[in-house]
Amino acid sequence: MDLLFIGLAVGAVVAYFIFRAFNKDRSRMKASEQSAVLMDKIKSVCKFITVEGDFSEIYHYENMKDKYLNLILGKKKAIVLVNAKAHVGFDLSKVRMNSDNEHKKIILTNFPQPELLTVETDFKYYDKREGWANPFTTSDLTDINRDAKKHIIDKIPQSGLMDQAKKEALDTIVLMEKIVETIGWKLDYTALTTAEEPRKIENS
């Protein structure tokens, strides 16, 4: 009887440790899955616009190609009013994070500089002059629109939008913090560092 009791007691103790070890592994796996889900959620927000600016510029176009041909066929000139809306913010897919599963923390180790994310443009042509045998082509209009858009993009660094976006960086981090807190984790950004240079979007 005593042996039976001892055997049951030993079995219970062994079962308890097996159960505890199993639960610990499951808890560790669950924490790992949670951290992966949280980091995916943050990166899925992707490009987060914090600042927008309106621009209105007059762009003067004159066809400087084929000078000799222009003398014969006539020059092409145009005055273009460019209205644009620039969106500046942060590409959260570039955020660097690590997870501390034991303490349920997402550690933010790098936060990107603000970027020019999109530029929406509207073009209005004034004083459009064509040569007598040198009309505007579709290719010409595409070139004008591209160059006029670049004219706006080149002015954005001096507009103060980038500096304004930097001030909004904390709001972006707060958004990330709220995402992390949805399942009871914490965002640790005490070791936050930033990249060196802002990056522009590619012209299209």
N, C-alpha and C. Protein backbone atom coordinates (compact mmCIF):
# COMPACT_ATOMS: atom_id res chain seq x y z
N MET A 1 0.84 -1.20 0.00
CA MET A 1 0.00 0.00 0.00
C MET A 1 0.88 1.25 0.00
N ASP A 2 1.92 1.20 0.90
CA ASP A 2 2.83 2.33 0.96
C ASP A 2 3.56 2.51 -0.35
N LEU A 3 3.94 1.37 -0.96
CA LEU A 3 4.64 1.44 -2.24
C LEU A 3 3.74 2.04 -3.32
N LEU A 4 2.46 1.66 -3.30
CA LEU A 4 1.49 2.18 -4.27
C LEU A 4 1.35 3.69 -4.11
N PHE A 5 1.28 4.12 -2.87
CA PHE A 5 1.12 5.54 -2.58
C PHE A 5 2.36 6.34 -3.04
N ILE A 6 3.54 5.74 -2.72
CA ILE A 6 4.79 6.39 -3.13
C ILE A 6 4.87 6.48 -4.66
N GLY A 7 4.46 5.33 -5.30
CA GLY A 7 4.49 5.31 -6.77
C GLY A 7 3.58 6.36 -7.36
N LEU A 8 2.36 6.51 -6.78
CA LEU A 8 1.43 7.54 -7.27
C LEU A 8 1.98 8.95 -7.06
N ALA A 9 2.61 9.13 -5.89
CA ALA A 9 3.17 10.45 -5.58
C ALA A 9 4.30 10.81 -6.54
N VAL A 10 5.18 9.82 -6.77
CA VAL A 10 6.29 10.05 -7.71
C VAL A 10 5.75 10.32 -9.11
N GLY A 11 4.74 9.52 -9.49
CA GLY A 11 4.12 9.72 -10.82
C GLY A 11 3.52 11.09 -10.95
N ALA A 12 2.86 11.55 -9.88
CA ALA A 12 2.24 12.87 -9.91
C ALA A 12 3.28 13.98 -10.06
N VAL A 13 4.39 13.82 -9.32
CA VAL A 13 5.46 14.82 -9.40
C VAL A 13 6.07 14.86 -10.80
N VAL A 14 6.34 13.66 -11.35
CA VAL A 14 6.90 13.58 -12.71
C VAL A 14 5.94 14.20 -13.72
N ALA A 15 4.64 13.86 -13.57
CA ALA A 15 3.63 14.39 -14.48
C ALA A 15 3.57 15.91 -14.39
N TYR A 16 3.71 16.43 -13.16
CA TYR A 16 3.66 17.88 -12.96
C TYR A 16 4.81 18.57 -13.69
N PHE A 17 6.02 18.00 -13.57
CA PHE A 17 7.17 18.63 -14.23
C PHE A 17 7.08 18.51 -15.75
N ILE A 18 6.55 17.36 -16.20
CA ILE A 18 6.37 17.20 -17.66
C ILE A 18 5.35 18.23 -18.17
N PHE A 19 4.24 18.38 -17.42
CA PHE A 19 3.19 19.33 -17.78
C PHE A 19 3.73 20.76 -17.77
N ARG A 20 4.54 21.06 -16.74
CA ARG A 20 5.10 22.40 -16.62
C ARG A 20 6.06 22.71 -17.77
N ALA A 21 6.90 21.72 -18.08
CA ALA A 21 7.86 21.91 -19.18
C ALA A 21 7.13 22.07 -20.50
N PHE A 22 6.07 21.28 -20.69
CA PHE A 22 5.27 21.34 -21.92
C PHE A 22 4.61 22.72 -22.05
N ASN A 23 4.03 23.18 -20.92
CA ASN A 23 3.36 24.48 -20.93
C ASN A 23 4.35 25.62 -21.15
N LYS A 24 5.56 25.46 -20.60
CA LYS A 24 6.58 26.48 -20.78
C LYS A 24 6.98 26.59 -22.24
N ASP A 25 7.12 25.42 -22.88
CA ASP A 25 7.45 25.42 -24.32
C ASP A 25 6.34 26.04 -25.13
N ARG A 26 5.10 25.69 -24.76
CA ARG A 26 3.95 26.24 -25.47
C ARG A 26 3.87 27.75 -25.28
N SER A 27 4.14 28.21 -24.06
CA SER A 27 4.12 29.64 -23.76
C SER A 27 5.20 30.37 -24.55
N ARG A 28 6.37 29.73 -24.65
CA ARG A 28 7.47 30.33 -25.39
C ARG A 28 7.13 30.41 -26.87
N MET A 29 6.53 29.36 -27.40
CA MET A 29 6.12 29.34 -28.80
C MET A 29 5.06 30.39 -29.07
N LYS A 30 4.10 30.51 -28.13
CA LYS A 30 3.03 31.49 -28.30
C LYS A 30 3.59 32.91 -28.30
N ALA A 31 4.54 33.19 -27.39
CA ALA A 31 5.16 34.51 -27.31
C ALA A 31 5.92 34.82 -28.60
N SER A 32 6.60 33.81 -29.13
CA SER A 32 7.34 33.98 -30.37
C SER A 32 6.40 34.30 -31.53
N GLU A 33 5.26 33.58 -31.58
CA GLU A 33 4.27 33.82 -32.62
C GLU A 33 3.68 35.22 -32.48
N GLN A 34 3.40 35.62 -31.24
CA GLN A 34 2.83 36.95 -31.01
C GLN A 34 3.77 38.05 -31.48
N SER A 35 5.06 37.90 -31.16
CA SER A 35 6.02 38.94 -31.55
C SER A 35 6.12 39.03 -33.07
N ALA A 36 6.07 37.88 -33.76
CA ALA A 36 6.14 37.88 -35.22
C ALA A 36 4.91 38.56 -35.81
N VAL A 37 3.74 38.29 -35.23
CA VAL A 37 2.49 38.90 -35.69
C VAL A 37 2.53 40.41 -35.49
N LEU A 38 3.03 40.85 -34.33
CA LEU A 38 3.10 42.28 -34.02
C LEU A 38 4.01 43.01 -35.00
N MET A 39 5.19 42.43 -35.27
CA MET A 39 6.13 43.08 -36.18
C MET A 39 5.58 43.12 -37.61
N ASP A 40 4.85 42.06 -38.00
CA ASP A 40 4.21 42.06 -39.32
C ASP A 40 3.12 43.14 -39.39
N LYS A 41 2.38 43.30 -38.29
CA LYS A 41 1.32 44.31 -38.26
C LYS A 41 1.89 45.71 -38.43
N ILE A 42 2.98 45.98 -37.74
CA ILE A 42 3.61 47.29 -37.83
C ILE A 42 4.11 47.55 -39.25
N LYS A 43 4.78 46.56 -39.83
CA LYS A 43 5.33 46.74 -41.17
C LYS A 43 4.24 46.79 -42.24
N SER A 44 3.07 46.18 -41.95
CA SER A 44 1.99 46.19 -42.92
C SER A 44 1.35 47.57 -43.05
N VAL A 45 1.56 48.42 -42.02
CA VAL A 45 1.08 49.81 -42.12
C VAL A 45 1.84 50.50 -43.24
N CYS A 46 3.07 50.09 -43.43
CA CYS A 46 3.96 50.51 -44.51
C CYS A 46 4.13 52.02 -44.56
N LYS A 47 3.74 52.68 -45.63
CA LYS A 47 4.01 54.10 -45.79
C LYS A 47 2.95 54.92 -45.04
N PHE A 48 3.42 55.60 -43.99
CA PHE A 48 2.52 56.34 -43.12
C PHE A 48 2.76 57.84 -43.32
N ILE A 49 1.76 58.52 -43.91
CA ILE A 49 1.88 59.95 -44.22
C ILE A 49 1.62 60.76 -42.96
N THR A 50 2.53 61.69 -42.65
CA THR A 50 2.34 62.54 -41.47
C THR A 50 2.18 64.01 -41.84
N VAL A 51 2.73 64.42 -42.99
CA VAL A 51 2.69 65.83 -43.40
C VAL A 51 2.38 65.92 -44.89
N GLU A 52 1.56 66.89 -45.26
CA GLU A 52 1.34 67.15 -46.68
C GLU A 52 1.50 68.64 -46.95
N GLY A 53 1.96 68.96 -48.14
CA GLY A 53 2.17 70.36 -48.51
C GLY A 53 1.67 70.63 -49.91
N ASP A 54 1.16 71.82 -50.12
CA ASP A 54 0.66 72.23 -51.44
C ASP A 54 1.67 73.16 -52.10
N PHE A 55 1.88 72.95 -53.39
CA PHE A 55 2.83 73.76 -54.15
C PHE A 55 2.16 74.26 -55.42
N SER A 56 2.50 75.47 -55.80
CA SER A 56 2.02 76.04 -57.06
C SER A 56 3.20 76.76 -57.70
N GLU A 57 3.63 76.27 -58.84
CA GLU A 57 4.81 76.82 -59.50
C GLU A 57 4.54 77.04 -60.99
N ILE A 58 5.19 78.04 -61.54
CA ILE A 58 5.12 78.28 -62.98
C ILE A 58 6.40 77.73 -63.61
N TYR A 59 6.23 76.85 -64.58
CA TYR A 59 7.37 76.21 -65.23
C TYR A 59 7.42 76.66 -66.70
N HIS A 60 8.56 77.19 -67.11
CA HIS A 60 8.74 77.64 -68.49
C HIS A 60 9.42 76.55 -69.30
N TYR A 61 8.77 76.18 -70.40
CA TYR A 61 9.35 75.12 -71.25
C TYR A 61 9.71 75.71 -72.61
N GLU A 62 10.91 75.34 -73.05
CA GLU A 62 11.31 75.69 -74.41
C GLU A 62 12.12 74.54 -74.96
N ASN A 63 11.76 74.07 -76.13
CA ASN A 63 12.45 72.93 -76.73
C ASN A 63 13.83 73.37 -77.20
N MET A 64 14.86 72.86 -76.50
CA MET A 64 16.24 73.23 -76.84
C MET A 64 16.93 72.16 -77.68
N LYS A 65 16.20 71.08 -77.97
CA LYS A 65 16.77 70.02 -78.79
C LYS A 65 16.70 70.42 -80.28
N ASP A 66 17.56 69.85 -81.04
CA ASP A 66 17.55 70.05 -82.50
C ASP A 66 17.47 71.54 -82.85
N LYS A 67 18.46 72.31 -82.38
CA LYS A 67 18.44 73.76 -82.56
C LYS A 67 18.32 74.18 -84.02
N TYR A 68 19.08 73.51 -84.86
CA TYR A 68 19.04 73.88 -86.27
C TYR A 68 17.68 73.57 -86.89
N LEU A 69 17.10 72.44 -86.48
CA LEU A 69 15.77 72.08 -86.97
C LEU A 69 14.74 73.08 -86.48
N ASN A 70 14.91 73.56 -85.25
CA ASN A 70 13.98 74.55 -84.71
C ASN A 70 14.01 75.86 -85.50
N LEU A 71 15.21 76.22 -85.98
CA LEU A 71 15.32 77.44 -86.77
C LEU A 71 14.52 77.34 -88.07
N ILE A 72 14.45 76.15 -88.59
CA ILE A 72 13.73 75.94 -89.85
C ILE A 72 12.23 75.75 -89.61
N LEU A 73 11.90 74.89 -88.63
CA LEU A 73 10.50 74.51 -88.40
C LEU A 73 9.79 75.37 -87.37
N GLY A 74 10.57 76.14 -86.58
CA GLY A 74 9.96 76.97 -85.55
C GLY A 74 10.10 76.34 -84.17
N LYS A 75 10.20 77.20 -83.13
CA LYS A 75 10.38 76.73 -81.76
C LYS A 75 9.06 76.36 -81.11
N LYS A 76 9.18 75.45 -80.14
CA LYS A 76 8.03 75.10 -79.30
C LYS A 76 8.26 75.68 -77.92
N LYS A 77 7.27 76.43 -77.39
CA LYS A 77 7.37 77.02 -76.06
C LYS A 77 6.05 76.82 -75.33
N ALA A 78 6.15 76.80 -74.01
CA ALA A 78 4.92 76.71 -73.21
C ALA A 78 5.20 77.23 -71.81
N ILE A 79 4.18 77.82 -71.21
CA ILE A 79 4.21 78.18 -69.80
C ILE A 79 3.24 77.23 -69.10
N VAL A 80 3.74 76.52 -68.11
CA VAL A 80 2.92 75.49 -67.43
C VAL A 80 2.74 75.88 -65.97
N LEU A 81 1.48 75.93 -65.54
CA LEU A 81 1.18 76.12 -64.12
C LEU A 81 1.07 74.74 -63.49
N VAL A 82 1.95 74.48 -62.52
CA VAL A 82 1.97 73.17 -61.87
C VAL A 82 1.42 73.31 -60.46
N ASN A 83 0.31 72.65 -60.20
CA ASN A 83 -0.23 72.56 -58.85
C ASN A 83 0.07 71.16 -58.34
N ALA A 84 0.65 71.07 -57.16
CA ALA A 84 1.06 69.76 -56.65
C ALA A 84 0.76 69.64 -55.16
N LYS A 85 0.53 68.40 -54.76
CA LYS A 85 0.37 68.07 -53.34
C LYS A 85 1.41 67.01 -53.00
N ALA A 86 2.28 67.34 -52.07
CA ALA A 86 3.35 66.42 -51.69
C ALA A 86 3.02 65.79 -50.34
N HIS A 87 3.24 64.48 -50.24
CA HIS A 87 3.01 63.74 -49.00
C HIS A 87 4.34 63.23 -48.46
N VAL A 88 4.64 63.61 -47.24
CA VAL A 88 5.88 63.22 -46.60
C VAL A 88 5.56 62.39 -45.36
N GLY A 89 6.30 61.34 -45.14
CA GLY A 89 6.04 60.50 -43.97
C GLY A 89 7.12 59.46 -43.80
N PHE A 90 6.74 58.31 -43.29
CA PHE A 90 7.71 57.28 -42.94
C PHE A 90 7.32 55.94 -43.55
N ASP A 91 8.31 55.25 -44.09
CA ASP A 91 8.10 53.91 -44.61
C ASP A 91 8.39 52.92 -43.49
N LEU A 92 7.32 52.42 -42.85
CA LEU A 92 7.49 51.57 -41.67
C LEU A 92 8.03 50.19 -42.01
N SER A 93 8.08 49.86 -43.29
CA SER A 93 8.69 48.58 -43.66
C SER A 93 10.20 48.62 -43.43
N LYS A 94 10.76 49.81 -43.24
CA LYS A 94 12.20 49.96 -43.00
C LYS A 94 12.54 50.01 -41.52
N VAL A 95 11.53 49.96 -40.67
CA VAL A 95 11.78 49.96 -39.23
C VAL A 95 12.50 48.68 -38.83
N ARG A 96 13.47 48.80 -37.92
CA ARG A 96 14.17 47.61 -37.42
C ARG A 96 13.72 47.34 -35.99
N MET A 97 13.32 46.09 -35.73
CA MET A 97 12.80 45.71 -34.42
C MET A 97 13.33 44.34 -34.01
N ASN A 98 13.43 44.16 -32.70
CA ASN A 98 13.72 42.86 -32.12
C ASN A 98 12.66 42.57 -31.08
N SER A 99 12.51 41.30 -30.75
CA SER A 99 11.50 40.94 -29.75
C SER A 99 12.15 40.35 -28.51
N ASP A 100 11.62 40.72 -27.36
CA ASP A 100 12.01 40.13 -26.08
C ASP A 100 10.79 39.34 -25.61
N ASN A 101 10.76 38.07 -25.99
CA ASN A 101 9.57 37.26 -25.73
C ASN A 101 9.33 37.05 -24.23
N GLU A 102 10.41 36.96 -23.47
CA GLU A 102 10.26 36.70 -22.04
C GLU A 102 9.54 37.85 -21.33
N HIS A 103 9.90 39.09 -21.73
CA HIS A 103 9.29 40.26 -21.08
C HIS A 103 8.18 40.88 -21.93
N LYS A 104 7.83 40.21 -23.02
CA LYS A 104 6.78 40.67 -23.92
C LYS A 104 7.01 42.12 -24.35
N LYS A 105 8.18 42.32 -24.98
CA LYS A 105 8.53 43.65 -25.45
C LYS A 105 8.98 43.58 -26.91
N ILE A 106 8.59 44.58 -27.68
CA ILE A 106 9.14 44.78 -29.01
C ILE A 106 10.12 45.95 -28.89
N ILE A 107 11.38 45.69 -29.24
CA ILE A 107 12.42 46.70 -29.07
C ILE A 107 12.71 47.36 -30.42
N LEU A 108 12.46 48.66 -30.46
CA LEU A 108 12.67 49.44 -31.68
C LEU A 108 14.12 49.91 -31.70
N THR A 109 14.88 49.44 -32.68
CA THR A 109 16.32 49.75 -32.72
C THR A 109 16.68 50.74 -33.83
N ASN A 110 15.80 50.94 -34.80
CA ASN A 110 16.07 51.89 -35.87
C ASN A 110 14.76 52.43 -36.43
N PHE A 111 14.69 53.73 -36.60
CA PHE A 111 13.50 54.37 -37.17
C PHE A 111 13.95 55.21 -38.36
N PRO A 112 13.29 55.06 -39.51
CA PRO A 112 13.76 55.74 -40.72
C PRO A 112 13.55 57.25 -40.68
N GLN A 113 14.32 57.95 -41.52
CA GLN A 113 14.13 59.38 -41.71
C GLN A 113 12.86 59.60 -42.55
N PRO A 114 12.24 60.77 -42.48
CA PRO A 114 11.07 61.03 -43.32
C PRO A 114 11.44 60.98 -44.80
N GLU A 115 10.47 60.57 -45.60
CA GLU A 115 10.67 60.47 -47.04
C GLU A 115 9.56 61.20 -47.77
N LEU A 116 9.86 61.60 -48.99
CA LEU A 116 8.82 62.07 -49.89
C LEU A 116 8.14 60.84 -50.46
N LEU A 117 6.90 60.58 -50.04
CA LEU A 117 6.23 59.33 -50.40
C LEU A 117 5.49 59.43 -51.74
N THR A 118 4.73 60.50 -51.93
CA THR A 118 4.00 60.68 -53.18
C THR A 118 3.93 62.16 -53.54
N VAL A 119 3.78 62.42 -54.83
CA VAL A 119 3.51 63.78 -55.31
C VAL A 119 2.39 63.70 -56.33
N GLU A 120 1.28 64.36 -56.03
CA GLU A 120 0.15 64.41 -56.95
C GLU A 120 0.23 65.74 -57.70
N THR A 121 0.19 65.69 -59.03
CA THR A 121 0.38 66.90 -59.82
C THR A 121 -0.78 67.15 -60.77
N ASP A 122 -1.01 68.43 -61.03
CA ASP A 122 -2.02 68.85 -62.01
C ASP A 122 -1.37 69.94 -62.87
N PHE A 123 -1.45 69.79 -64.19
CA PHE A 123 -0.78 70.71 -65.10
C PHE A 123 -1.79 71.51 -65.92
N LYS A 124 -1.56 72.81 -66.01
CA LYS A 124 -2.37 73.68 -66.88
C LYS A 124 -1.43 74.45 -67.78
N TYR A 125 -1.69 74.38 -69.08
CA TYR A 125 -0.81 75.00 -70.07
C TYR A 125 -1.33 76.39 -70.46
N TYR A 126 -0.39 77.36 -70.48
CA TYR A 126 -0.71 78.72 -70.89
C TYR A 126 0.33 79.16 -71.93
N ASP A 127 -0.09 80.00 -72.80
CA ASP A 127 0.82 80.55 -73.81
C ASP A 127 1.61 79.44 -74.50
N LYS A 128 0.88 78.47 -75.01
CA LYS A 128 1.50 77.32 -75.67
C LYS A 128 1.74 77.68 -77.14
N ARG A 129 3.00 77.73 -77.54
CA ARG A 129 3.34 78.13 -78.90
C ARG A 129 4.07 77.00 -79.63
N GLU A 130 3.58 76.72 -80.80
CA GLU A 130 4.19 75.66 -81.62
C GLU A 130 4.83 76.29 -82.86
N GLY A 131 5.87 75.61 -83.36
CA GLY A 131 6.47 76.05 -84.61
C GLY A 131 5.49 75.80 -85.76
N TRP A 132 5.66 76.54 -86.83
CA TRP A 132 4.71 76.40 -87.95
C TRP A 132 4.69 74.97 -88.50
N ALA A 133 5.81 74.27 -88.37
CA ALA A 133 5.86 72.86 -88.79
C ALA A 133 6.48 72.00 -87.68
N ASN A 134 6.29 72.44 -86.45
CA ASN A 134 6.92 71.75 -85.33
C ASN A 134 5.92 71.67 -84.16
N PRO A 135 4.87 70.86 -84.29
CA PRO A 135 3.83 70.79 -83.26
C PRO A 135 4.28 69.99 -82.03
N PHE A 136 3.57 70.19 -80.93
CA PHE A 136 3.82 69.39 -79.73
C PHE A 136 3.37 67.96 -79.96
N THR A 137 4.19 67.02 -79.54
CA THR A 137 3.87 65.60 -79.66
C THR A 137 3.53 65.03 -78.27
N THR A 138 3.02 63.82 -78.25
CA THR A 138 2.75 63.15 -76.97
C THR A 138 4.03 63.00 -76.16
N SER A 139 5.12 62.72 -76.84
CA SER A 139 6.41 62.57 -76.18
C SER A 139 6.84 63.90 -75.54
N ASP A 140 6.59 65.00 -76.23
CA ASP A 140 6.92 66.32 -75.69
C ASP A 140 6.16 66.58 -74.40
N LEU A 141 4.85 66.31 -74.41
CA LEU A 141 4.02 66.56 -73.24
C LEU A 141 4.44 65.68 -72.06
N THR A 142 4.83 64.43 -72.36
CA THR A 142 5.32 63.53 -71.30
C THR A 142 6.60 64.10 -70.68
N ASP A 143 7.50 64.60 -71.54
CA ASP A 143 8.75 65.19 -71.05
C ASP A 143 8.48 66.44 -70.21
N ILE A 144 7.55 67.27 -70.66
CA ILE A 144 7.22 68.49 -69.92
C ILE A 144 6.67 68.15 -68.55
N ASN A 145 5.73 67.20 -68.50
CA ASN A 145 5.13 66.80 -67.22
C ASN A 145 6.17 66.23 -66.27
N ARG A 146 7.08 65.41 -66.81
CA ARG A 146 8.14 64.82 -65.98
C ARG A 146 9.07 65.90 -65.43
N ASP A 147 9.48 66.82 -66.30
CA ASP A 147 10.40 67.87 -65.88
C ASP A 147 9.74 68.84 -64.91
N ALA A 148 8.45 69.13 -65.13
CA ALA A 148 7.72 70.03 -64.24
C ALA A 148 7.55 69.40 -62.86
N LYS A 149 7.31 68.10 -62.83
CA LYS A 149 7.19 67.39 -61.55
C LYS A 149 8.53 67.40 -60.82
N LYS A 150 9.62 67.19 -61.55
CA LYS A 150 10.96 67.23 -60.94
C LYS A 150 11.24 68.62 -60.39
N HIS A 151 10.75 69.64 -61.09
CA HIS A 151 10.92 71.03 -60.64
C HIS A 151 10.29 71.22 -59.25
N ILE A 152 9.14 70.58 -59.02
CA ILE A 152 8.47 70.64 -57.71
C ILE A 152 9.27 69.84 -56.68
N ILE A 153 9.65 68.62 -57.04
CA ILE A 153 10.36 67.73 -56.11
C ILE A 153 11.67 68.38 -55.62
N ASP A 154 12.35 69.08 -56.53
CA ASP A 154 13.61 69.74 -56.16
C ASP A 154 13.42 70.84 -55.13
N LYS A 155 12.21 71.39 -55.04
CA LYS A 155 11.94 72.47 -54.09
C LYS A 155 11.51 71.97 -52.72
N ILE A 156 11.14 70.69 -52.63
CA ILE A 156 10.60 70.16 -51.37
C ILE A 156 11.60 70.17 -50.22
N PRO A 157 12.88 69.80 -50.43
CA PRO A 157 13.82 69.82 -49.30
C PRO A 157 13.94 71.18 -48.62
N GLN A 158 13.75 72.27 -49.38
CA GLN A 158 13.85 73.61 -48.81
C GLN A 158 12.51 74.13 -48.27
N SER A 159 11.47 73.34 -48.41
CA SER A 159 10.13 73.80 -48.03
C SER A 159 9.84 73.68 -46.54
N GLY A 160 10.66 72.90 -45.83
CA GLY A 160 10.42 72.69 -44.41
C GLY A 160 9.56 71.48 -44.11
N LEU A 161 9.07 70.79 -45.15
CA LEU A 161 8.20 69.63 -44.92
C LEU A 161 8.94 68.50 -44.21
N MET A 162 10.21 68.29 -44.59
CA MET A 162 10.98 67.21 -43.97
C MET A 162 11.18 67.47 -42.48
N ASP A 163 11.50 68.72 -42.15
CA ASP A 163 11.70 69.08 -40.73
C ASP A 163 10.39 68.93 -39.95
N GLN A 164 9.30 69.31 -40.59
CA GLN A 164 7.99 69.18 -39.94
C GLN A 164 7.66 67.71 -39.69
N ALA A 165 7.99 66.86 -40.68
CA ALA A 165 7.72 65.43 -40.54
C ALA A 165 8.54 64.82 -39.42
N LYS A 166 9.78 65.30 -39.25
CA LYS A 166 10.63 64.79 -38.16
C LYS A 166 9.97 65.03 -36.81
N LYS A 167 9.30 66.20 -36.69
CA LYS A 167 8.62 66.52 -35.44
C LYS A 167 7.41 65.62 -35.20
N GLU A 168 6.88 65.05 -36.30
CA GLU A 168 5.72 64.17 -36.19
C GLU A 168 6.13 62.71 -35.97
N ALA A 169 7.43 62.45 -35.91
CA ALA A 169 7.92 61.08 -35.78
C ALA A 169 7.36 60.41 -34.53
N LEU A 170 7.27 61.18 -33.43
CA LEU A 170 6.78 60.60 -32.18
C LEU A 170 5.35 60.12 -32.33
N ASP A 171 4.52 60.85 -33.10
CA ASP A 171 3.13 60.41 -33.33
C ASP A 171 3.10 59.06 -34.05
N THR A 172 4.06 58.88 -34.96
CA THR A 172 4.14 57.60 -35.68
C THR A 172 4.53 56.48 -34.74
N ILE A 173 5.47 56.77 -33.83
CA ILE A 173 5.89 55.76 -32.85
C ILE A 173 4.74 55.43 -31.89
N VAL A 174 3.94 56.44 -31.55
CA VAL A 174 2.77 56.20 -30.69
C VAL A 174 1.77 55.27 -31.39
N LEU A 175 1.61 55.43 -32.70
CA LEU A 175 0.75 54.52 -33.47
C LEU A 175 1.26 53.09 -33.35
N MET A 176 2.58 52.92 -33.51
CA MET A 176 3.18 51.59 -33.38
C MET A 176 2.96 51.04 -31.97
N GLU A 177 3.10 51.93 -30.98
CA GLU A 177 2.93 51.52 -29.58
C GLU A 177 1.52 50.98 -29.33
N LYS A 178 0.54 51.65 -29.93
CA LYS A 178 -0.86 51.22 -29.75
C LYS A 178 -1.10 49.86 -30.40
N ILE A 179 -0.46 49.63 -31.56
CA ILE A 179 -0.58 48.33 -32.22
C ILE A 179 -0.03 47.23 -31.31
N VAL A 180 1.14 47.50 -30.70
CA VAL A 180 1.78 46.52 -29.82
C VAL A 180 0.94 46.26 -28.57
N GLU A 181 0.31 47.32 -28.04
CA GLU A 181 -0.46 47.19 -26.81
C GLU A 181 -1.77 46.45 -26.99
N THR A 182 -2.18 46.22 -28.24
CA THR A 182 -3.46 45.54 -28.48
C THR A 182 -3.49 44.13 -27.90
N ILE A 183 -2.30 43.50 -27.74
CA ILE A 183 -2.30 42.15 -27.14
C ILE A 183 -1.45 42.12 -25.86
N GLY A 184 -1.31 43.30 -25.24
CA GLY A 184 -0.65 43.32 -23.93
C GLY A 184 0.86 43.35 -23.94
N TRP A 185 1.47 43.67 -25.08
CA TRP A 185 2.92 43.81 -25.14
C TRP A 185 3.30 45.28 -24.98
N LYS A 186 4.60 45.56 -24.88
CA LYS A 186 5.09 46.93 -24.76
C LYS A 186 6.09 47.22 -25.86
N LEU A 187 6.12 48.49 -26.29
CA LEU A 187 7.11 48.93 -27.28
C LEU A 187 8.21 49.68 -26.55
N ASP A 188 9.44 49.21 -26.72
CA ASP A 188 10.60 49.84 -26.09
C ASP A 188 11.39 50.58 -27.16
N TYR A 189 11.41 51.91 -27.10
CA TYR A 189 12.15 52.68 -28.10
C TYR A 189 13.22 53.56 -27.44
N THR A 190 13.74 53.10 -26.31
CA THR A 190 14.78 53.85 -25.61
C THR A 190 16.10 53.85 -26.37
N ALA A 191 16.33 52.85 -27.18
CA ALA A 191 17.59 52.76 -27.93
C ALA A 191 17.44 53.28 -29.36
N LEU A 192 16.45 54.14 -29.55
CA LEU A 192 16.12 54.59 -30.90
C LEU A 192 17.26 55.36 -31.54
N THR A 193 17.56 54.97 -32.79
CA THR A 193 18.50 55.72 -33.60
C THR A 193 17.84 55.97 -34.94
N THR A 194 18.34 56.93 -35.70
CA THR A 194 17.77 57.25 -37.01
C THR A 194 18.80 57.08 -38.10
N ALA A 195 18.30 56.91 -39.31
CA ALA A 195 19.19 56.78 -40.46
C ALA A 195 19.82 58.14 -40.77
N GLU A 196 20.83 58.13 -41.65
CA GLU A 196 21.59 59.35 -41.90
C GLU A 196 20.87 60.32 -42.82
N GLU A 197 20.39 59.82 -43.95
CA GLU A 197 19.88 60.73 -44.97
C GLU A 197 18.45 60.40 -45.34
N PRO A 198 17.59 61.45 -45.58
CA PRO A 198 16.25 61.20 -46.11
C PRO A 198 16.35 60.75 -47.57
N ARG A 199 15.36 60.05 -48.02
CA ARG A 199 15.38 59.51 -49.36
C ARG A 199 14.17 60.00 -50.14
N LYS A 200 14.39 60.36 -51.39
CA LYS A 200 13.28 60.82 -52.24
C LYS A 200 12.67 59.65 -53.00
N ILE A 201 11.43 59.85 -53.45
CA ILE A 201 10.82 58.85 -54.31
C ILE A 201 11.45 58.96 -55.68
N GLU A 202 11.31 57.90 -56.45
CA GLU A 202 11.82 57.93 -57.82
C GLU A 202 10.84 58.71 -58.68
N ASN A 203 11.39 59.44 -59.63
CA ASN A 203 10.52 60.14 -60.59
C ASN A 203 9.89 59.13 -61.52
N SER A 204 8.66 59.41 -61.87
CA SER A 204 8.01 58.55 -62.86
C SER A 204 7.43 59.39 -63.96
